[in-house]
């Protein structure tokens, strides 16, 4: 009998200098993937100036969590939708918001990327998955390739709280499946 993986919590990280394009992205993401049940306050993002030439600054990151759990198989589809939305919200060929979708599970945060690297696995044409954080001994742990803003204590603490919500939600989903 084939074993299926449990559904995961869909998160999208929204990086922007201005709140307006980020708010547009949040509305559109909710239309595509269902209502949000979590939106973080803006988190400082000063770990790199990689995005500054394209997006300006100062940049902040917000994490959006969606109310419904999703199959891990949905990650590539979500990444493609996020890339299309980034393009749609761009002005003069420059992105105004960067959208990084990921899946939060009991033991990890996996992010989708459009850039191949040795530590990323292809999950669809032009889409790779990266184990970004590993949950072990009660904490999220960064890996050698984890971007500094995801490795920071603040975001790891925030994700630990979201993980608790996820575990409760997963328990509820399983109980409903048994009752059905």
C-alpha atoms as a PDB file:
ATOM      1  CA  UNK A   1       0.000   0.000   0.000  1.00  0.00           C
ATOM      2  CA  UNK A   2       1.413   3.394  -1.026  1.00  0.00           C
ATOM      3  CA  UNK A   3       1.902   5.852   1.791  1.00  0.00           C
ATOM      4  CA  UNK A   4       0.658   9.392   1.239  1.00  0.00           C
ATOM      5  CA  UNK A   5       2.252  12.398   2.848  1.00  0.00           C
ATOM      6  CA  UNK A   6       0.099  14.567   5.074  1.00  0.00           C
ATOM      7  CA  UNK A   7      -1.121  17.844   3.705  1.00  0.00           C
ATOM      8  CA  UNK A   8       0.990  20.889   4.487  1.00  0.00           C
ATOM      9  CA  UNK A   9       0.310  24.501   5.377  1.00  0.00           C
ATOM     10  CA  UNK A  10       0.748  26.817   2.399  1.00  0.00           C
ATOM     11  CA  UNK A  11       2.753  29.938   3.206  1.00  0.00           C
ATOM     12  CA  UNK A  12       3.770  32.747   0.900  1.00  0.00           C
ATOM     13  CA  UNK A  13       6.479  35.212   1.821  1.00  0.00           C
ATOM     14  CA  UNK A  14       5.833  38.661   0.351  1.00  0.00           C
ATOM     15  CA  UNK A  15       8.899  40.888   0.014  1.00  0.00           C
ATOM     16  CA  UNK A  16       8.283  44.522  -0.980  1.00  0.00           C
ATOM     17  CA  UNK A  17       9.313  48.106  -0.381  1.00  0.00           C
ATOM     18  CA  UNK A  18       5.719  49.406  -0.546  1.00  0.00           C
ATOM     19  CA  UNK A  19       2.616  47.981   1.061  1.00  0.00           C
ATOM     20  CA  UNK A  20       0.268  48.660  -1.894  1.00  0.00           C
ATOM     21  CA  UNK A  21       1.615  46.018  -4.323  1.00  0.00           C
ATOM     22  CA  UNK A  22       1.916  43.570  -1.425  1.00  0.00           C
ATOM     23  CA  UNK A  23      -1.737  44.166  -0.477  1.00  0.00           C
ATOM     24  CA  UNK A  24      -2.752  43.579  -4.109  1.00  0.00           C
ATOM     25  CA  UNK A  25      -0.777  40.331  -4.102  1.00  0.00           C
ATOM     26  CA  UNK A  26      -2.410  39.183  -0.845  1.00  0.00           C
ATOM     27  CA  UNK A  27      -5.902  39.762  -2.302  1.00  0.00           C
ATOM     28  CA  UNK A  28      -5.051  37.882  -5.489  1.00  0.00           C
ATOM     29  CA  UNK A  29      -3.417  35.004  -3.630  1.00  0.00           C
ATOM     30  CA  UNK A  30      -6.539  34.648  -1.461  1.00  0.00           C
ATOM     31  CA  UNK A  31      -8.671  34.494  -4.618  1.00  0.00           C
ATOM     32  CA  UNK A  32      -6.463  31.727  -5.988  1.00  0.00           C
ATOM     33  CA  UNK A  33      -5.661  29.672  -2.889  1.00  0.00           C
ATOM     34  CA  UNK A  34      -8.439  30.417  -0.422  1.00  0.00           C
ATOM     35  CA  UNK A  35      -8.732  32.722   2.542  1.00  0.00           C
ATOM     36  CA  UNK A  36      -5.769  33.665   4.670  1.00  0.00           C
ATOM     37  CA  UNK A  37      -5.875  32.866   8.343  1.00  0.00           C
ATOM     38  CA  UNK A  38      -2.583  34.572   9.115  1.00  0.00           C
ATOM     39  CA  UNK A  39      -0.669  37.630   7.907  1.00  0.00           C
ATOM     40  CA  UNK A  40       2.416  38.685   9.850  1.00  0.00           C
ATOM     41  CA  UNK A  41       3.392  42.220  10.604  1.00  0.00           C
ATOM     42  CA  UNK A  42       6.152  43.528   8.313  1.00  0.00           C
ATOM     43  CA  UNK A  43       9.440  41.897   9.260  1.00  0.00           C
ATOM     44  CA  UNK A  44      12.704  43.768   8.773  1.00  0.00           C
ATOM     45  CA  UNK A  45      14.676  42.600   5.779  1.00  0.00           C
ATOM     46  CA  UNK A  46      18.192  43.948   5.680  1.00  0.00           C
ATOM     47  CA  UNK A  47      20.168  40.767   5.149  1.00  0.00           C
ATOM     48  CA  UNK A  48      21.042  41.427   1.513  1.00  0.00           C
ATOM     49  CA  UNK A  49      20.779  44.162  -1.096  1.00  0.00           C
ATOM     50  CA  UNK A  50      20.134  41.617  -3.874  1.00  0.00           C
ATOM     51  CA  UNK A  51      16.606  42.934  -4.599  1.00  0.00           C
ATOM     52  CA  UNK A  52      17.298  46.660  -4.062  1.00  0.00           C
ATOM     53  CA  UNK A  53      18.181  47.551  -7.689  1.00  0.00           C
ATOM     54  CA  UNK A  54      14.898  46.089  -8.900  1.00  0.00           C
ATOM     55  CA  UNK A  55      12.527  46.798  -6.006  1.00  0.00           C
ATOM     56  CA  UNK A  56      14.006  49.745  -4.139  1.00  0.00           C
ATOM     57  CA  UNK A  57      13.958  49.820  -0.383  1.00  0.00           C
ATOM     58  CA  UNK A  58      13.825  49.506   2.466  1.00  0.00           C
ATOM     59  CA  UNK A  59      12.349  46.063   1.949  1.00  0.00           C
ATOM     60  CA  UNK A  60      10.175  44.235   4.435  1.00  0.00           C
ATOM     61  CA  UNK A  61       8.823  40.712   4.421  1.00  0.00           C
ATOM     62  CA  UNK A  62       5.383  39.511   5.484  1.00  0.00           C
ATOM     63  CA  UNK A  63       4.305  35.886   5.787  1.00  0.00           C
ATOM     64  CA  UNK A  64       0.826  34.895   4.663  1.00  0.00           C
ATOM     65  CA  UNK A  65      -0.676  31.608   5.813  1.00  0.00           C
ATOM     66  CA  UNK A  66      -3.692  30.057   4.116  1.00  0.00           C
ATOM     67  CA  UNK A  67      -6.602  28.476   5.946  1.00  0.00           C
ATOM     68  CA  UNK A  68      -6.753  25.196   4.032  1.00  0.00           C
ATOM     69  CA  UNK A  69      -4.038  22.566   4.077  1.00  0.00           C
ATOM     70  CA  UNK A  70      -2.729  21.537   0.662  1.00  0.00           C
ATOM     71  CA  UNK A  71      -1.013  18.579  -0.927  1.00  0.00           C
ATOM     72  CA  UNK A  72       2.754  18.846  -1.225  1.00  0.00           C
ATOM     73  CA  UNK A  73       2.193  18.149  -4.913  1.00  0.00           C
ATOM     74  CA  UNK A  74       0.664  21.640  -5.269  1.00  0.00           C
ATOM     75  CA  UNK A  75       3.931  23.511  -4.656  1.00  0.00           C
ATOM     76  CA  UNK A  76       4.998  23.792  -8.313  1.00  0.00           C
ATOM     77  CA  UNK A  77       1.562  25.052  -9.348  1.00  0.00           C
ATOM     78  CA  UNK A  78       1.619  27.652  -6.575  1.00  0.00           C
ATOM     79  CA  UNK A  79       5.129  28.802  -7.575  1.00  0.00           C
ATOM     80  CA  UNK A  80       4.042  29.271 -11.178  1.00  0.00           C
ATOM     81  CA  UNK A  81       0.992  31.271 -10.062  1.00  0.00           C
ATOM     82  CA  UNK A  82       3.199  33.447  -7.844  1.00  0.00           C
ATOM     83  CA  UNK A  83       5.644  34.111 -10.684  1.00  0.00           C
ATOM     84  CA  UNK A  84       2.769  35.132 -12.977  1.00  0.00           C
ATOM     85  CA  UNK A  85       1.397  37.453 -10.280  1.00  0.00           C
ATOM     86  CA  UNK A  86       4.826  39.065  -9.762  1.00  0.00           C
ATOM     87  CA  UNK A  87       4.935  39.809 -13.496  1.00  0.00           C
ATOM     88  CA  UNK A  88       1.384  41.138 -13.531  1.00  0.00           C
ATOM     89  CA  UNK A  89       2.064  43.526 -10.640  1.00  0.00           C
ATOM     90  CA  UNK A  90       5.403  44.718 -12.086  1.00  0.00           C
ATOM     91  CA  UNK A  91       5.859  48.229 -13.445  1.00  0.00           C
ATOM     92  CA  UNK A  92       8.220  49.068 -16.267  1.00  0.00           C
ATOM     93  CA  UNK A  93       9.601  45.524 -16.180  1.00  0.00           C
ATOM     94  CA  UNK A  94      10.540  45.735 -12.480  1.00  0.00           C
ATOM     95  CA  UNK A  95       8.923  43.584  -9.822  1.00  0.00           C
ATOM     96  CA  UNK A  96       7.314  45.467  -6.966  1.00  0.00           C
ATOM     97  CA  UNK A  97       6.739  42.358  -4.880  1.00  0.00           C
ATOM     98  CA  UNK A  98       8.671  39.096  -4.620  1.00  0.00           C
ATOM     99  CA  UNK A  99       6.552  36.054  -3.756  1.00  0.00           C
ATOM    100  CA  UNK A 100       8.181  32.966  -2.267  1.00  0.00           C
ATOM    101  CA  UNK A 101       5.704  30.130  -1.711  1.00  0.00           C
ATOM    102  CA  UNK A 102       6.490  27.314   0.657  1.00  0.00           C
ATOM    103  CA  UNK A 103       5.062  24.410   2.570  1.00  0.00           C
ATOM    104  CA  UNK A 104       5.223  24.173   6.328  1.00  0.00           C
ATOM    105  CA  UNK A 105       4.974  20.666   7.748  1.00  0.00           C
ATOM    106  CA  UNK A 106       5.651  19.059  11.101  1.00  0.00           C
ATOM    107  CA  UNK A 107       9.329  18.668  10.297  1.00  0.00           C
ATOM    108  CA  UNK A 108      10.277  21.358   7.789  1.00  0.00           C
ATOM    109  CA  UNK A 109       9.799  24.490   5.750  1.00  0.00           C
ATOM    110  CA  UNK A 110      10.252  23.803   2.048  1.00  0.00           C
ATOM    111  CA  UNK A 111      10.398  26.759  -0.346  1.00  0.00           C
ATOM    112  CA  UNK A 112       9.886  26.737  -4.105  1.00  0.00           C
ATOM    113  CA  UNK A 113      12.397  28.382  -6.415  1.00  0.00           C
ATOM    114  CA  UNK A 114      12.756  29.080 -10.109  1.00  0.00           C
ATOM    115  CA  UNK A 115      16.542  28.821  -9.803  1.00  0.00           C
ATOM    116  CA  UNK A 116      18.334  25.461  -9.814  1.00  0.00           C
ATOM    117  CA  UNK A 117      21.068  24.809  -7.277  1.00  0.00           C
ATOM    118  CA  UNK A 118      22.823  21.643  -6.136  1.00  0.00           C
ATOM    119  CA  UNK A 119      20.749  21.443  -2.944  1.00  0.00           C
ATOM    120  CA  UNK A 120      17.383  21.852  -4.723  1.00  0.00           C
ATOM    121  CA  UNK A 121      15.287  19.118  -6.292  1.00  0.00           C
ATOM    122  CA  UNK A 122      13.344  19.602  -9.517  1.00  0.00           C
ATOM    123  CA  UNK A 123       9.612  19.225  -8.897  1.00  0.00           C
ATOM    124  CA  UNK A 124       8.364  20.437 -12.302  1.00  0.00           C
ATOM    125  CA  UNK A 125       9.760  22.055 -15.411  1.00  0.00           C
ATOM    126  CA  UNK A 126      11.460  25.272 -14.246  1.00  0.00           C
ATOM    127  CA  UNK A 127      10.613  24.720 -10.571  1.00  0.00           C
ATOM    128  CA  UNK A 128      12.748  23.408  -7.700  1.00  0.00           C
ATOM    129  CA  UNK A 129      12.068  22.694  -4.034  1.00  0.00           C
ATOM    130  CA  UNK A 130      14.486  23.534  -1.247  1.00  0.00           C
ATOM    131  CA  UNK A 131      14.495  22.261   2.310  1.00  0.00           C
ATOM    132  CA  UNK A 132      15.027  25.667   3.952  1.00  0.00           C
ATOM    133  CA  UNK A 133      14.478  24.895   7.643  1.00  0.00           C
ATOM    134  CA  UNK A 134      14.441  21.576   9.498  1.00  0.00           C
ATOM    135  CA  UNK A 135      12.442  21.085  12.698  1.00  0.00           C
ATOM    136  CA  UNK A 136      14.390  19.012  15.204  1.00  0.00           C
ATOM    137  CA  UNK A 137      14.439  18.867  19.016  1.00  0.00           C
ATOM    138  CA  UNK A 138      11.690  21.470  19.341  1.00  0.00           C
ATOM    139  CA  UNK A 139      13.240  24.137  17.089  1.00  0.00           C
ATOM    140  CA  UNK A 140      13.635  25.091  13.452  1.00  0.00           C
ATOM    141  CA  UNK A 141      17.246  24.822  12.346  1.00  0.00           C
ATOM    142  CA  UNK A 142      18.894  26.568   9.416  1.00  0.00           C
ATOM    143  CA  UNK A 143      20.922  24.610   6.906  1.00  0.00           C
ATOM    144  CA  UNK A 144      24.126  25.754   5.188  1.00  0.00           C
ATOM    145  CA  UNK A 145      22.141  27.170   2.233  1.00  0.00           C
ATOM    146  CA  UNK A 146      19.312  28.789   4.212  1.00  0.00           C
ATOM    147  CA  UNK A 147      18.991  32.472   3.348  1.00  0.00           C
ATOM    148  CA  UNK A 148      19.905  34.678   6.322  1.00  0.00           C
ATOM    149  CA  UNK A 149      16.434  36.185   6.697  1.00  0.00           C
ATOM    150  CA  UNK A 150      14.903  32.698   7.117  1.00  0.00           C
ATOM    151  CA  UNK A 151      17.708  31.671   9.470  1.00  0.00           C
ATOM    152  CA  UNK A 152      16.989  34.545  11.870  1.00  0.00           C
ATOM    153  CA  UNK A 153      15.583  33.852  15.315  1.00  0.00           C
ATOM    154  CA  UNK A 154      12.479  36.025  14.780  1.00  0.00           C
ATOM    155  CA  UNK A 155      11.211  34.239  11.695  1.00  0.00           C
ATOM    156  CA  UNK A 156      12.052  30.812  13.117  1.00  0.00           C
ATOM    157  CA  UNK A 157      10.042  31.674  16.259  1.00  0.00           C
ATOM    158  CA  UNK A 158       7.136  32.874  14.088  1.00  0.00           C
ATOM    159  CA  UNK A 159       7.264  29.650  12.063  1.00  0.00           C
ATOM    160  CA  UNK A 160       7.283  27.574  15.241  1.00  0.00           C
ATOM    161  CA  UNK A 161       3.987  29.235  16.224  1.00  0.00           C
ATOM    162  CA  UNK A 162       2.546  28.585  12.769  1.00  0.00           C
ATOM    163  CA  UNK A 163       3.726  24.990  13.048  1.00  0.00           C
ATOM    164  CA  UNK A 164       1.650  24.637  16.221  1.00  0.00           C
ATOM    165  CA  UNK A 165      -1.406  25.899  14.341  1.00  0.00           C
ATOM    166  CA  UNK A 166      -0.616  23.501  11.510  1.00  0.00           C
ATOM    167  CA  UNK A 167      -0.399  20.500  13.851  1.00  0.00           C
ATOM    168  CA  UNK A 168      -3.760  21.399  15.390  1.00  0.00           C
ATOM    169  CA  UNK A 169      -5.273  21.835  11.923  1.00  0.00           C
ATOM    170  CA  UNK A 170      -3.825  18.510  10.756  1.00  0.00           C
ATOM    171  CA  UNK A 171      -5.288  16.782  13.806  1.00  0.00           C
ATOM    172  CA  UNK A 172      -8.706  18.301  13.031  1.00  0.00           C
ATOM    173  CA  UNK A 173      -8.450  17.247   9.373  1.00  0.00           C
ATOM    174  CA  UNK A 174      -7.583  13.676  10.369  1.00  0.00           C
ATOM    175  CA  UNK A 175     -10.445  13.539  12.912  1.00  0.00           C
ATOM    176  CA  UNK A 176     -12.905  14.697  10.248  1.00  0.00           C
ATOM    177  CA  UNK A 177     -11.559  12.093   7.842  1.00  0.00           C
ATOM    178  CA  UNK A 178     -12.138   9.354  10.408  1.00  0.00           C
ATOM    179  CA  UNK A 179     -15.637  10.656  11.172  1.00  0.00           C
ATOM    180  CA  UNK A 180     -16.647  10.884   7.500  1.00  0.00           C
END
